Amino acid sequence: MNMAFYLNFNTGLLIRVSLVRAQVEEPNTKSLTAMWGFFIFSAKHYTMRSLNTVLLYYKNSQMIFDHISNASRYVALHPLFSQVFEFIKNANLSALANGKHAIIGDEVFVIVARANGRTREDVQLECHRKYIDIQLVLSGTDEMGWKPLNGCHQPVDAYNASADIQFFYDAPDAWISTPANTFCLFFPEDAHAPLVSDQMIHKAVFKIAVNASAK
């Protein structure tokens, strides 16, 4: 059976959930849980946990959060995604040392990190222009903030081309609780704030050049 539910919010948020048990937590309220159903709330900031595909929509923008077992759904989004997901399937990611590991030169590489989580107040939204991020959590839970870039109006400083990064003071529109073996996919239009947790996080961040072609 293949089922999908669409949750339409007064705030303009829309979430599609396919074959999942999803949990949404609103600040200072009890958790709302649904199995093969849907729930409606008006809070703009929330945390979501899912065992399958979730697309977050906010004012015509969206980002992807999914379990790595569903990676094949996304190979058509970029010419090199198939090679990235094949690497994830075959490599022993847990054994990789911290730091940068080349996959296809500078066009595709992975940065492995083992780090203590930070608080929401300690992180800033960031964006990239040259690279797409596939942020895969290997252990722990990374509660990543997200906001569409076109909604970010408070830059910390100018875009740093050499580091391919820009930071913002804006607050995230959503917090996505991302446990082990799930990932968030951030395109250049997705501002994100990773490494939020009360525990150690072990993750692999795959960087894919936006303008790279199939090899």
N, C-alpha and C. Protein backbone atom coordinates (compact mmCIF):
# COMPACT_ATOMS: atom_id res chain seq x y z
N MET A 1 0.85 -1.19 0.00
CA MET A 1 0.00 0.00 0.00
C MET A 1 0.88 1.24 0.00
N ASN A 2 0.52 2.20 -0.82
CA ASN A 2 1.28 3.44 -0.88
C ASN A 2 0.34 4.58 -0.56
N MET A 3 0.62 5.28 0.52
CA MET A 3 -0.28 6.34 0.95
C MET A 3 0.52 7.60 1.19
N ALA A 4 -0.09 8.72 0.93
CA ALA A 4 0.56 10.00 1.21
C ALA A 4 -0.48 10.94 1.78
N PHE A 5 -0.08 11.76 2.70
CA PHE A 5 -0.98 12.70 3.34
C PHE A 5 -0.41 14.09 3.21
N TYR A 6 -1.26 15.05 2.99
CA TYR A 6 -0.84 16.42 2.83
C TYR A 6 -1.40 17.26 3.97
N LEU A 7 -0.51 17.91 4.66
CA LEU A 7 -0.88 18.68 5.84
C LEU A 7 -0.78 20.15 5.49
N ASN A 8 -1.90 20.84 5.47
CA ASN A 8 -1.91 22.24 5.07
C ASN A 8 -2.08 23.11 6.31
N PHE A 9 -1.19 24.06 6.49
CA PHE A 9 -1.17 24.87 7.69
C PHE A 9 -1.56 26.31 7.37
N ASN A 10 -2.14 26.97 8.33
CA ASN A 10 -2.50 28.37 8.16
C ASN A 10 -1.28 29.24 7.92
N THR A 11 -0.12 28.76 8.38
CA THR A 11 1.11 29.53 8.22
C THR A 11 1.67 29.44 6.82
N GLY A 12 1.12 28.59 5.98
CA GLY A 12 1.65 28.40 4.64
C GLY A 12 2.53 27.17 4.53
N LEU A 13 2.65 26.39 5.62
CA LEU A 13 3.46 25.18 5.60
C LEU A 13 2.67 24.01 5.04
N LEU A 14 3.35 23.17 4.30
CA LEU A 14 2.74 21.95 3.79
C LEU A 14 3.75 20.84 3.90
N ILE A 15 3.34 19.71 4.45
CA ILE A 15 4.24 18.57 4.60
C ILE A 15 3.60 17.36 3.92
N ARG A 16 4.40 16.63 3.15
CA ARG A 16 3.92 15.38 2.58
C ARG A 16 4.60 14.24 3.32
N VAL A 17 3.81 13.30 3.82
CA VAL A 17 4.34 12.16 4.55
C VAL A 17 3.90 10.90 3.85
N SER A 18 4.85 10.04 3.47
CA SER A 18 4.53 8.81 2.76
C SER A 18 4.91 7.60 3.60
N LEU A 19 3.95 6.75 3.88
CA LEU A 19 4.19 5.50 4.58
C LEU A 19 5.03 5.69 5.84
N VAL A 20 4.58 6.57 6.70
CA VAL A 20 5.39 6.86 7.88
C VAL A 20 4.54 6.94 9.14
N ARG A 21 5.23 6.84 10.24
CA ARG A 21 4.69 7.32 11.50
C ARG A 21 5.47 8.60 11.77
N ALA A 22 4.81 9.70 11.84
CA ALA A 22 5.49 10.98 11.99
C ALA A 22 5.10 11.60 13.31
N GLN A 23 6.02 12.28 13.92
CA GLN A 23 5.75 12.94 15.20
C GLN A 23 6.16 14.39 15.08
N VAL A 24 5.28 15.26 15.47
CA VAL A 24 5.56 16.69 15.47
C VAL A 24 5.50 17.19 16.89
N GLU A 25 6.49 17.95 17.28
CA GLU A 25 6.52 18.52 18.61
C GLU A 25 6.48 20.03 18.51
N GLU A 26 5.51 20.64 19.16
CA GLU A 26 5.41 22.08 19.22
C GLU A 26 5.97 22.57 20.54
N PRO A 27 6.63 23.72 20.55
CA PRO A 27 7.16 24.24 21.80
C PRO A 27 6.07 24.41 22.86
N ASN A 28 6.36 23.91 24.06
CA ASN A 28 5.47 24.08 25.21
C ASN A 28 4.11 23.40 25.04
N THR A 29 4.04 22.43 24.15
CA THR A 29 2.80 21.67 24.00
C THR A 29 3.14 20.20 23.94
N LYS A 30 2.13 19.37 24.05
CA LYS A 30 2.37 17.94 23.97
C LYS A 30 2.62 17.52 22.52
N SER A 31 3.23 16.36 22.35
CA SER A 31 3.51 15.85 21.01
C SER A 31 2.21 15.37 20.36
N LEU A 32 2.18 15.51 19.06
CA LEU A 32 1.06 15.01 18.27
C LEU A 32 1.60 13.91 17.38
N THR A 33 0.98 12.74 17.41
CA THR A 33 1.47 11.61 16.63
C THR A 33 0.34 11.04 15.79
N ALA A 34 0.67 10.63 14.55
CA ALA A 34 -0.34 10.06 13.67
C ALA A 34 0.23 8.89 12.91
N MET A 35 -0.53 7.84 12.74
CA MET A 35 -0.16 6.70 11.91
C MET A 35 -1.18 6.61 10.79
N TRP A 36 -0.72 6.76 9.53
CA TRP A 36 -1.59 6.76 8.37
C TRP A 36 -2.69 7.81 8.51
N GLY A 37 -2.33 8.93 9.03
CA GLY A 37 -3.30 10.00 9.20
C GLY A 37 -2.63 11.34 9.09
N PHE A 38 -3.29 12.35 9.53
CA PHE A 38 -2.68 13.67 9.47
C PHE A 38 -3.08 14.49 10.67
N PHE A 39 -2.35 15.56 10.88
CA PHE A 39 -2.61 16.44 12.00
C PHE A 39 -2.37 17.85 11.53
N ILE A 40 -3.07 18.79 12.14
CA ILE A 40 -2.98 20.18 11.73
C ILE A 40 -2.66 21.03 12.96
N PHE A 41 -1.71 21.94 12.81
CA PHE A 41 -1.41 22.86 13.88
C PHE A 41 -0.94 24.16 13.27
N SER A 42 -0.87 25.19 14.06
CA SER A 42 -0.59 26.51 13.52
C SER A 42 0.80 27.03 13.89
N ALA A 43 1.54 26.29 14.72
CA ALA A 43 2.87 26.75 15.12
C ALA A 43 3.81 26.77 13.92
N LYS A 44 4.67 27.75 13.90
CA LYS A 44 5.60 27.90 12.78
C LYS A 44 6.90 27.15 13.03
N HIS A 45 7.29 27.01 14.30
CA HIS A 45 8.53 26.32 14.64
C HIS A 45 8.16 24.97 15.24
N TYR A 46 8.80 23.91 14.76
CA TYR A 46 8.47 22.59 15.23
C TYR A 46 9.62 21.64 14.96
N THR A 47 9.53 20.47 15.55
CA THR A 47 10.48 19.40 15.30
C THR A 47 9.71 18.22 14.74
N MET A 48 10.27 17.56 13.72
CA MET A 48 9.58 16.42 13.12
C MET A 48 10.49 15.22 13.07
N ARG A 49 9.97 14.06 13.44
CA ARG A 49 10.69 12.82 13.31
C ARG A 49 9.88 11.91 12.38
N SER A 50 10.57 11.20 11.50
CA SER A 50 9.89 10.33 10.56
C SER A 50 10.78 9.16 10.20
N LEU A 51 10.18 8.06 9.79
CA LEU A 51 10.95 6.91 9.34
C LEU A 51 10.99 6.84 7.82
N ASN A 52 10.47 7.81 7.14
CA ASN A 52 10.42 7.76 5.69
C ASN A 52 10.44 9.16 5.13
N THR A 53 9.92 9.34 3.93
CA THR A 53 10.06 10.60 3.22
C THR A 53 9.24 11.72 3.84
N VAL A 54 9.87 12.86 4.00
CA VAL A 54 9.15 14.06 4.40
C VAL A 54 9.67 15.21 3.56
N LEU A 55 8.76 15.93 2.93
CA LEU A 55 9.11 17.15 2.23
C LEU A 55 8.53 18.30 3.02
N LEU A 56 9.35 19.28 3.36
CA LEU A 56 8.88 20.46 4.05
C LEU A 56 8.68 21.57 3.04
N TYR A 57 7.51 22.17 3.04
CA TYR A 57 7.21 23.28 2.15
C TYR A 57 6.93 24.52 2.98
N TYR A 58 7.49 25.64 2.57
CA TYR A 58 7.18 26.90 3.24
C TYR A 58 7.23 28.00 2.20
N LYS A 59 6.07 28.59 1.91
CA LYS A 59 5.98 29.69 0.94
C LYS A 59 6.67 29.32 -0.37
N ASN A 60 6.25 28.17 -0.93
CA ASN A 60 6.72 27.71 -2.23
C ASN A 60 8.17 27.23 -2.24
N SER A 61 8.78 27.04 -1.07
CA SER A 61 10.11 26.46 -0.98
C SER A 61 9.99 25.10 -0.31
N GLN A 62 10.96 24.22 -0.57
CA GLN A 62 10.90 22.91 0.04
C GLN A 62 12.31 22.37 0.27
N MET A 63 12.41 21.42 1.21
CA MET A 63 13.65 20.69 1.40
C MET A 63 13.29 19.23 1.65
N ILE A 64 14.29 18.36 1.56
CA ILE A 64 14.07 16.92 1.62
C ILE A 64 14.73 16.33 2.86
N PHE A 65 13.97 15.50 3.57
CA PHE A 65 14.45 14.72 4.70
C PHE A 65 13.97 13.30 4.49
N ASP A 66 14.89 12.32 4.57
CA ASP A 66 14.48 10.94 4.27
C ASP A 66 15.43 9.95 4.92
N HIS A 67 15.02 8.68 4.90
CA HIS A 67 15.88 7.59 5.34
C HIS A 67 16.79 7.21 4.18
N ILE A 68 18.03 6.83 4.48
CA ILE A 68 18.99 6.55 3.43
C ILE A 68 18.55 5.37 2.56
N SER A 69 17.71 4.50 3.07
CA SER A 69 17.22 3.38 2.27
C SER A 69 16.37 3.84 1.09
N ASN A 70 15.93 5.09 1.11
CA ASN A 70 15.12 5.63 0.02
C ASN A 70 15.92 6.51 -0.92
N ALA A 71 17.24 6.41 -0.87
CA ALA A 71 18.10 7.30 -1.65
C ALA A 71 17.82 7.23 -3.15
N SER A 72 17.41 6.09 -3.64
CA SER A 72 17.19 5.94 -5.09
C SER A 72 16.11 6.87 -5.62
N ARG A 73 15.27 7.39 -4.75
CA ARG A 73 14.22 8.30 -5.18
C ARG A 73 14.78 9.63 -5.68
N TYR A 74 16.02 9.93 -5.35
CA TYR A 74 16.55 11.27 -5.59
C TYR A 74 17.67 11.32 -6.63
N VAL A 75 17.99 10.19 -7.26
CA VAL A 75 19.12 10.17 -8.19
C VAL A 75 18.89 11.09 -9.40
N ALA A 76 17.64 11.32 -9.75
CA ALA A 76 17.36 12.16 -10.92
C ALA A 76 17.54 13.65 -10.65
N LEU A 77 17.77 14.03 -9.41
CA LEU A 77 17.87 15.45 -9.07
C LEU A 77 19.22 16.06 -9.43
N HIS A 78 20.23 15.22 -9.68
CA HIS A 78 21.56 15.73 -10.04
C HIS A 78 22.31 14.60 -10.75
N PRO A 79 23.13 14.92 -11.76
CA PRO A 79 23.83 13.87 -12.51
C PRO A 79 24.76 13.01 -11.66
N LEU A 80 25.23 13.50 -10.53
CA LEU A 80 26.19 12.75 -9.72
C LEU A 80 25.59 12.15 -8.45
N PHE A 81 24.31 12.35 -8.24
CA PHE A 81 23.70 11.79 -7.03
C PHE A 81 23.79 10.26 -7.00
N SER A 82 23.67 9.63 -8.15
CA SER A 82 23.72 8.16 -8.17
C SER A 82 25.07 7.66 -7.66
N GLN A 83 26.16 8.36 -8.01
CA GLN A 83 27.48 7.95 -7.55
C GLN A 83 27.66 8.23 -6.05
N VAL A 84 27.07 9.31 -5.58
CA VAL A 84 27.12 9.60 -4.15
C VAL A 84 26.42 8.50 -3.36
N PHE A 85 25.22 8.14 -3.79
CA PHE A 85 24.47 7.14 -3.05
C PHE A 85 25.10 5.75 -3.18
N GLU A 86 25.76 5.49 -4.30
CA GLU A 86 26.48 4.23 -4.45
C GLU A 86 27.68 4.18 -3.48
N PHE A 87 28.34 5.31 -3.33
CA PHE A 87 29.44 5.40 -2.37
C PHE A 87 28.93 5.14 -0.96
N ILE A 88 27.81 5.75 -0.61
CA ILE A 88 27.23 5.55 0.73
C ILE A 88 26.89 4.08 0.95
N LYS A 89 26.40 3.43 -0.08
CA LYS A 89 26.00 2.03 0.02
C LYS A 89 27.20 1.12 0.24
N ASN A 90 28.33 1.41 -0.42
CA ASN A 90 29.46 0.49 -0.42
C ASN A 90 30.57 0.83 0.57
N ALA A 91 30.67 2.08 0.97
CA ALA A 91 31.77 2.49 1.85
C ALA A 91 31.44 2.20 3.30
N ASN A 92 32.47 2.00 4.09
CA ASN A 92 32.31 1.86 5.53
C ASN A 92 32.44 3.25 6.13
N LEU A 93 31.38 3.99 6.13
CA LEU A 93 31.43 5.38 6.56
C LEU A 93 31.85 5.53 8.01
N SER A 94 31.45 4.59 8.84
CA SER A 94 31.77 4.68 10.26
C SER A 94 33.27 4.60 10.52
N ALA A 95 34.01 4.00 9.57
CA ALA A 95 35.45 3.84 9.75
C ALA A 95 36.25 5.01 9.21
N LEU A 96 35.62 5.92 8.47
CA LEU A 96 36.34 7.04 7.90
C LEU A 96 36.77 8.02 8.99
N ALA A 97 37.99 8.51 8.87
CA ALA A 97 38.49 9.49 9.82
C ALA A 97 37.80 10.83 9.61
N ASN A 98 37.82 11.64 10.63
CA ASN A 98 37.28 13.00 10.49
C ASN A 98 38.03 13.74 9.40
N GLY A 99 37.31 14.62 8.72
CA GLY A 99 37.94 15.43 7.69
C GLY A 99 37.38 15.15 6.30
N LYS A 100 38.06 15.70 5.30
CA LYS A 100 37.60 15.66 3.91
C LYS A 100 38.14 14.43 3.20
N HIS A 101 37.26 13.77 2.44
CA HIS A 101 37.63 12.60 1.64
C HIS A 101 37.09 12.81 0.22
N ALA A 102 37.99 12.80 -0.76
CA ALA A 102 37.58 13.01 -2.15
C ALA A 102 36.86 11.79 -2.69
N ILE A 103 35.83 12.02 -3.47
CA ILE A 103 35.11 10.95 -4.17
C ILE A 103 35.30 11.13 -5.68
N ILE A 104 35.02 12.33 -6.17
CA ILE A 104 35.32 12.70 -7.56
C ILE A 104 36.00 14.07 -7.52
N GLY A 105 37.26 14.07 -7.16
CA GLY A 105 38.01 15.32 -7.09
C GLY A 105 37.33 16.36 -6.22
N ASP A 106 37.25 17.59 -6.75
CA ASP A 106 36.58 18.67 -6.04
C ASP A 106 35.09 18.75 -6.37
N GLU A 107 34.64 17.87 -7.26
CA GLU A 107 33.23 17.92 -7.63
C GLU A 107 32.34 17.19 -6.65
N VAL A 108 32.86 16.12 -6.07
CA VAL A 108 32.12 15.38 -5.05
C VAL A 108 33.10 14.94 -3.97
N PHE A 109 32.83 15.32 -2.75
CA PHE A 109 33.65 14.85 -1.62
C PHE A 109 32.76 14.78 -0.38
N VAL A 110 33.30 14.15 0.65
CA VAL A 110 32.55 14.00 1.89
C VAL A 110 33.39 14.52 3.04
N ILE A 111 32.76 15.21 3.95
CA ILE A 111 33.40 15.69 5.17
C ILE A 111 32.79 14.92 6.33
N VAL A 112 33.64 14.16 7.02
CA VAL A 112 33.20 13.37 8.17
C VAL A 112 33.47 14.16 9.44
N ALA A 113 32.50 14.18 10.32
CA ALA A 113 32.66 14.94 11.57
C ALA A 113 32.12 14.14 12.74
N ARG A 114 32.84 14.19 13.82
CA ARG A 114 32.37 13.70 15.12
C ARG A 114 32.47 14.90 16.06
N ALA A 115 31.34 15.38 16.50
CA ALA A 115 31.36 16.64 17.25
C ALA A 115 30.26 16.65 18.30
N ASN A 116 30.50 17.40 19.36
CA ASN A 116 29.46 17.62 20.36
C ASN A 116 28.39 18.53 19.78
N GLY A 117 27.15 18.21 20.07
CA GLY A 117 26.06 19.04 19.58
C GLY A 117 26.04 20.41 20.24
N ARG A 118 25.44 21.36 19.56
CA ARG A 118 25.30 22.72 20.05
C ARG A 118 23.84 22.99 20.37
N THR A 119 23.55 24.10 21.02
CA THR A 119 22.17 24.50 21.28
C THR A 119 21.63 25.28 20.09
N ARG A 120 20.34 25.42 20.01
CA ARG A 120 19.73 26.21 18.94
C ARG A 120 20.23 27.66 18.97
N GLU A 121 20.47 28.16 20.18
CA GLU A 121 20.91 29.54 20.31
C GLU A 121 22.35 29.75 19.84
N ASP A 122 23.12 28.67 19.77
CA ASP A 122 24.53 28.78 19.42
C ASP A 122 24.80 28.68 17.92
N VAL A 123 23.80 28.31 17.13
CA VAL A 123 24.04 28.10 15.71
C VAL A 123 23.47 29.24 14.88
N GLN A 124 23.98 29.38 13.67
CA GLN A 124 23.46 30.35 12.71
C GLN A 124 23.14 29.63 11.40
N LEU A 125 22.13 30.11 10.74
CA LEU A 125 21.82 29.58 9.42
C LEU A 125 22.98 29.85 8.47
N GLU A 126 23.23 28.91 7.58
CA GLU A 126 24.27 29.07 6.58
C GLU A 126 23.73 28.62 5.22
N CYS A 127 24.36 29.07 4.17
CA CYS A 127 23.99 28.62 2.83
C CYS A 127 25.25 28.50 1.99
N HIS A 128 25.13 27.77 0.88
CA HIS A 128 26.23 27.56 -0.05
C HIS A 128 25.73 27.83 -1.47
N ARG A 129 26.59 28.33 -2.32
CA ARG A 129 26.21 28.61 -3.70
C ARG A 129 26.78 27.59 -4.68
N LYS A 130 27.97 27.07 -4.37
CA LYS A 130 28.66 26.18 -5.31
C LYS A 130 28.34 24.71 -5.10
N TYR A 131 27.94 24.35 -3.88
CA TYR A 131 27.75 22.94 -3.55
C TYR A 131 26.38 22.66 -2.96
N ILE A 132 25.89 21.47 -3.25
CA ILE A 132 24.70 20.90 -2.62
C ILE A 132 25.17 20.04 -1.45
N ASP A 133 24.46 20.07 -0.35
CA ASP A 133 24.78 19.24 0.81
C ASP A 133 23.82 18.06 0.92
N ILE A 134 24.37 16.87 1.12
CA ILE A 134 23.59 15.74 1.60
C ILE A 134 24.16 15.42 2.98
N GLN A 135 23.45 15.77 4.03
CA GLN A 135 23.96 15.63 5.39
C GLN A 135 23.35 14.37 6.01
N LEU A 136 24.19 13.33 6.08
CA LEU A 136 23.78 12.02 6.56
C LEU A 136 24.28 11.80 7.99
N VAL A 137 23.36 11.52 8.88
CA VAL A 137 23.72 11.26 10.28
C VAL A 137 24.06 9.78 10.44
N LEU A 138 25.23 9.50 11.04
CA LEU A 138 25.69 8.13 11.24
C LEU A 138 25.36 7.63 12.65
N SER A 139 25.46 8.51 13.63
CA SER A 139 25.03 8.17 14.99
C SER A 139 24.66 9.46 15.71
N GLY A 140 23.82 9.30 16.72
CA GLY A 140 23.28 10.48 17.39
C GLY A 140 22.10 11.03 16.63
N THR A 141 21.64 12.19 17.04
CA THR A 141 20.52 12.87 16.38
C THR A 141 20.89 14.32 16.18
N ASP A 142 20.83 14.76 14.94
CA ASP A 142 21.16 16.15 14.60
C ASP A 142 19.86 16.88 14.32
N GLU A 143 19.54 17.86 15.15
CA GLU A 143 18.32 18.64 14.97
C GLU A 143 18.67 19.86 14.11
N MET A 144 18.48 19.71 12.82
CA MET A 144 18.93 20.75 11.89
C MET A 144 17.86 21.80 11.63
N GLY A 145 18.28 23.05 11.72
CA GLY A 145 17.37 24.14 11.39
C GLY A 145 17.32 24.36 9.90
N TRP A 146 16.18 24.86 9.41
CA TRP A 146 16.02 25.12 7.97
C TRP A 146 15.15 26.35 7.74
N LYS A 147 15.51 27.09 6.72
CA LYS A 147 14.71 28.23 6.29
C LYS A 147 15.03 28.46 4.81
N PRO A 148 14.02 28.73 3.97
CA PRO A 148 14.33 29.04 2.57
C PRO A 148 15.21 30.28 2.49
N LEU A 149 16.19 30.22 1.61
CA LEU A 149 17.14 31.33 1.51
C LEU A 149 16.45 32.64 1.19
N ASN A 150 15.40 32.57 0.37
CA ASN A 150 14.73 33.82 0.01
C ASN A 150 13.98 34.45 1.18
N GLY A 151 13.95 33.75 2.31
CA GLY A 151 13.36 34.32 3.52
C GLY A 151 14.39 34.83 4.51
N CYS A 152 15.67 34.73 4.14
CA CYS A 152 16.75 35.21 5.01
C CYS A 152 17.12 36.64 4.64
N HIS A 153 16.94 37.56 5.58
CA HIS A 153 17.15 38.98 5.30
C HIS A 153 18.15 39.64 6.25
N GLN A 154 18.80 38.83 7.11
CA GLN A 154 19.72 39.39 8.09
C GLN A 154 21.10 38.72 7.97
N PRO A 155 21.87 39.02 6.94
CA PRO A 155 23.18 38.39 6.78
C PRO A 155 24.15 38.82 7.88
N VAL A 156 24.95 37.88 8.33
CA VAL A 156 26.01 38.19 9.30
C VAL A 156 27.12 38.96 8.61
N ASP A 157 27.45 38.51 7.41
CA ASP A 157 28.46 39.17 6.59
C ASP A 157 28.23 38.80 5.14
N ALA A 158 29.11 39.23 4.27
CA ALA A 158 28.97 38.94 2.85
C ALA A 158 29.30 37.47 2.56
N TYR A 159 28.86 37.00 1.42
CA TYR A 159 29.17 35.64 0.99
C TYR A 159 30.68 35.48 0.83
N ASN A 160 31.23 34.40 1.39
CA ASN A 160 32.65 34.08 1.30
C ASN A 160 32.82 33.06 0.18
N ALA A 161 33.29 33.51 -0.98
CA ALA A 161 33.38 32.65 -2.15
C ALA A 161 34.40 31.53 -1.96
N SER A 162 35.53 31.81 -1.30
CA SER A 162 36.56 30.79 -1.13
C SER A 162 36.09 29.65 -0.23
N ALA A 163 35.28 29.97 0.75
CA ALA A 163 34.74 28.96 1.66
C ALA A 163 33.36 28.48 1.23
N ASP A 164 32.79 29.14 0.24
CA ASP A 164 31.44 28.84 -0.25
C ASP A 164 30.43 28.82 0.91
N ILE A 165 30.36 29.94 1.63
CA ILE A 165 29.44 29.97 2.76
C ILE A 165 29.04 31.41 3.07
N GLN A 166 27.81 31.55 3.56
CA GLN A 166 27.33 32.81 4.09
C GLN A 166 26.44 32.49 5.28
N PHE A 167 26.54 33.29 6.34
CA PHE A 167 25.76 33.07 7.55
C PHE A 167 24.69 34.15 7.70
N PHE A 168 23.63 33.79 8.45
CA PHE A 168 22.51 34.70 8.67
C PHE A 168 22.08 34.69 10.13
N TYR A 169 21.61 35.84 10.59
CA TYR A 169 21.04 35.95 11.94
C TYR A 169 19.60 35.45 12.00
N ASP A 170 18.94 35.30 10.86
CA ASP A 170 17.53 34.89 10.85
C ASP A 170 17.33 33.57 11.61
N ALA A 171 16.16 33.42 12.20
CA ALA A 171 15.82 32.18 12.90
C ALA A 171 15.26 31.17 11.91
N PRO A 172 15.55 29.89 12.09
CA PRO A 172 14.98 28.85 11.21
C PRO A 172 13.46 28.84 11.27
N ASP A 173 12.85 28.43 10.18
CA ASP A 173 11.40 28.24 10.15
C ASP A 173 11.03 26.85 10.65
N ALA A 174 11.99 25.92 10.64
CA ALA A 174 11.71 24.55 11.06
C ALA A 174 12.96 23.94 11.65
N TRP A 175 12.76 22.99 12.57
CA TRP A 175 13.85 22.18 13.13
C TRP A 175 13.54 20.74 12.82
N ILE A 176 14.44 20.06 12.10
CA ILE A 176 14.22 18.69 11.66
C ILE A 176 15.09 17.75 12.47
N SER A 177 14.49 16.95 13.30
CA SER A 177 15.21 16.00 14.13
C SER A 177 15.65 14.83 13.25
N THR A 178 16.95 14.72 13.01
CA THR A 178 17.49 13.80 12.02
C THR A 178 18.32 12.73 12.71
N PRO A 179 17.76 11.53 12.92
CA PRO A 179 18.48 10.46 13.62
C PRO A 179 19.42 9.70 12.69
N ALA A 180 20.11 8.71 13.23
CA ALA A 180 21.05 7.92 12.45
C ALA A 180 20.35 7.28 11.25
N ASN A 181 21.08 7.25 10.12
CA ASN A 181 20.64 6.65 8.87
C ASN A 181 19.57 7.46 8.14
N THR A 182 19.38 8.70 8.55
CA THR A 182 18.53 9.62 7.79
C THR A 182 19.37 10.80 7.35
N PHE A 183 18.86 11.53 6.37
CA PHE A 183 19.63 12.64 5.83
C PHE A 183 18.73 13.81 5.48
N CYS A 184 19.33 14.99 5.45
CA CYS A 184 18.68 16.18 4.90
C CYS A 184 19.46 16.58 3.65
N LEU A 185 18.73 16.97 2.63
CA LEU A 185 19.33 17.38 1.36
C LEU A 185 19.11 18.88 1.21
N PHE A 186 20.21 19.62 1.19
CA PHE A 186 20.14 21.08 1.13
C PHE A 186 20.71 21.59 -0.20
N PHE A 187 19.86 22.22 -0.99
CA PHE A 187 20.28 22.88 -2.22
C PHE A 187 20.70 24.31 -1.88
N PRO A 188 21.29 25.04 -2.84
CA PRO A 188 21.71 26.42 -2.54
C PRO A 188 20.60 27.32 -2.01
N GLU A 189 19.36 27.00 -2.33
CA GLU A 189 18.25 27.83 -1.85
C GLU A 189 17.80 27.46 -0.45
N ASP A 190 18.49 26.49 0.18
CA ASP A 190 18.14 26.05 1.53
C ASP A 190 19.17 26.56 2.54
N ALA A 191 18.78 27.50 3.38
CA ALA A 191 19.64 27.88 4.50
C ALA A 191 19.44 26.86 5.61
N HIS A 192 20.52 26.47 6.28
CA HIS A 192 20.42 25.40 7.26
C HIS A 192 21.38 25.64 8.43
N ALA A 193 21.03 25.07 9.57
CA ALA A 193 21.82 25.23 10.79
C ALA A 193 22.01 23.85 11.41
N PRO A 194 23.14 23.19 11.13
CA PRO A 194 23.34 21.82 11.60
C PRO A 194 24.02 21.74 12.96
N LEU A 195 24.20 20.48 13.41
CA LEU A 195 24.91 20.15 14.65
C LEU A 195 24.24 20.72 15.89
N VAL A 196 22.93 20.53 15.97
CA VAL A 196 22.18 20.90 17.17
C VAL A 196 21.77 19.62 17.88
N SER A 197 22.25 19.43 19.08
CA SER A 197 21.95 18.21 19.83
C SER A 197 22.44 18.36 21.26
N ASP A 198 21.94 17.49 22.14
CA ASP A 198 22.46 17.44 23.52
C ASP A 198 23.41 16.25 23.67
N GLN A 199 23.89 15.72 22.53
CA GLN A 199 24.76 14.56 22.55
C GLN A 199 25.81 14.67 21.45
N MET A 200 26.70 13.70 21.39
CA MET A 200 27.69 13.63 20.34
C MET A 200 27.01 13.26 19.02
N ILE A 201 27.46 13.90 17.93
CA ILE A 201 26.93 13.60 16.60
C ILE A 201 28.07 13.10 15.73
N HIS A 202 27.82 12.01 15.02
CA HIS A 202 28.75 11.49 14.01
C HIS A 202 28.00 11.56 12.69
N LYS A 203 28.54 12.33 11.74
CA LYS A 203 27.82 12.52 10.49
C LYS A 203 28.78 12.61 9.31
N ALA A 204 28.22 12.44 8.14
CA ALA A 204 28.97 12.57 6.89
C ALA A 204 28.23 13.58 6.02
N VAL A 205 28.92 14.65 5.66
CA VAL A 205 28.32 15.69 4.82
C VAL A 205 28.90 15.56 3.41
N PHE A 206 28.06 15.16 2.48
CA PHE A 206 28.49 15.00 1.10
C PHE A 206 28.28 16.32 0.36
N LYS A 207 29.33 16.79 -0.30
CA LYS A 207 29.30 18.04 -1.03
C LYS A 207 29.35 17.73 -2.53
N ILE A 208 28.32 18.18 -3.26
CA ILE A 208 28.21 17.91 -4.69
C ILE A 208 28.17 19.24 -5.43
N ALA A 209 29.11 19.45 -6.32
CA ALA A 209 29.16 20.70 -7.06
C ALA A 209 27.89 20.89 -7.88
N VAL A 210 27.29 22.06 -7.74
CA VAL A 210 26.02 22.34 -8.41
C VAL A 210 26.15 22.16 -9.92
N ASN A 211 27.23 22.63 -10.51
CA ASN A 211 27.38 22.60 -11.97
C ASN A 211 28.16 21.41 -12.49
N ALA A 212 28.38 20.39 -11.66
CA ALA A 212 29.11 19.20 -12.10
C ALA A 212 28.25 18.40 -13.08
N SER A 213 28.91 17.67 -13.96
CA SER A 213 28.22 16.81 -14.93
C SER A 213 28.52 15.35 -14.64
N ALA A 214 27.75 14.47 -15.22
CA ALA A 214 27.92 13.04 -14.99
C ALA A 214 29.29 12.58 -15.48
N LYS A 215 29.87 11.63 -14.75
CA LYS A 215 31.19 11.08 -15.10
C LYS A 215 31.06 9.69 -15.71
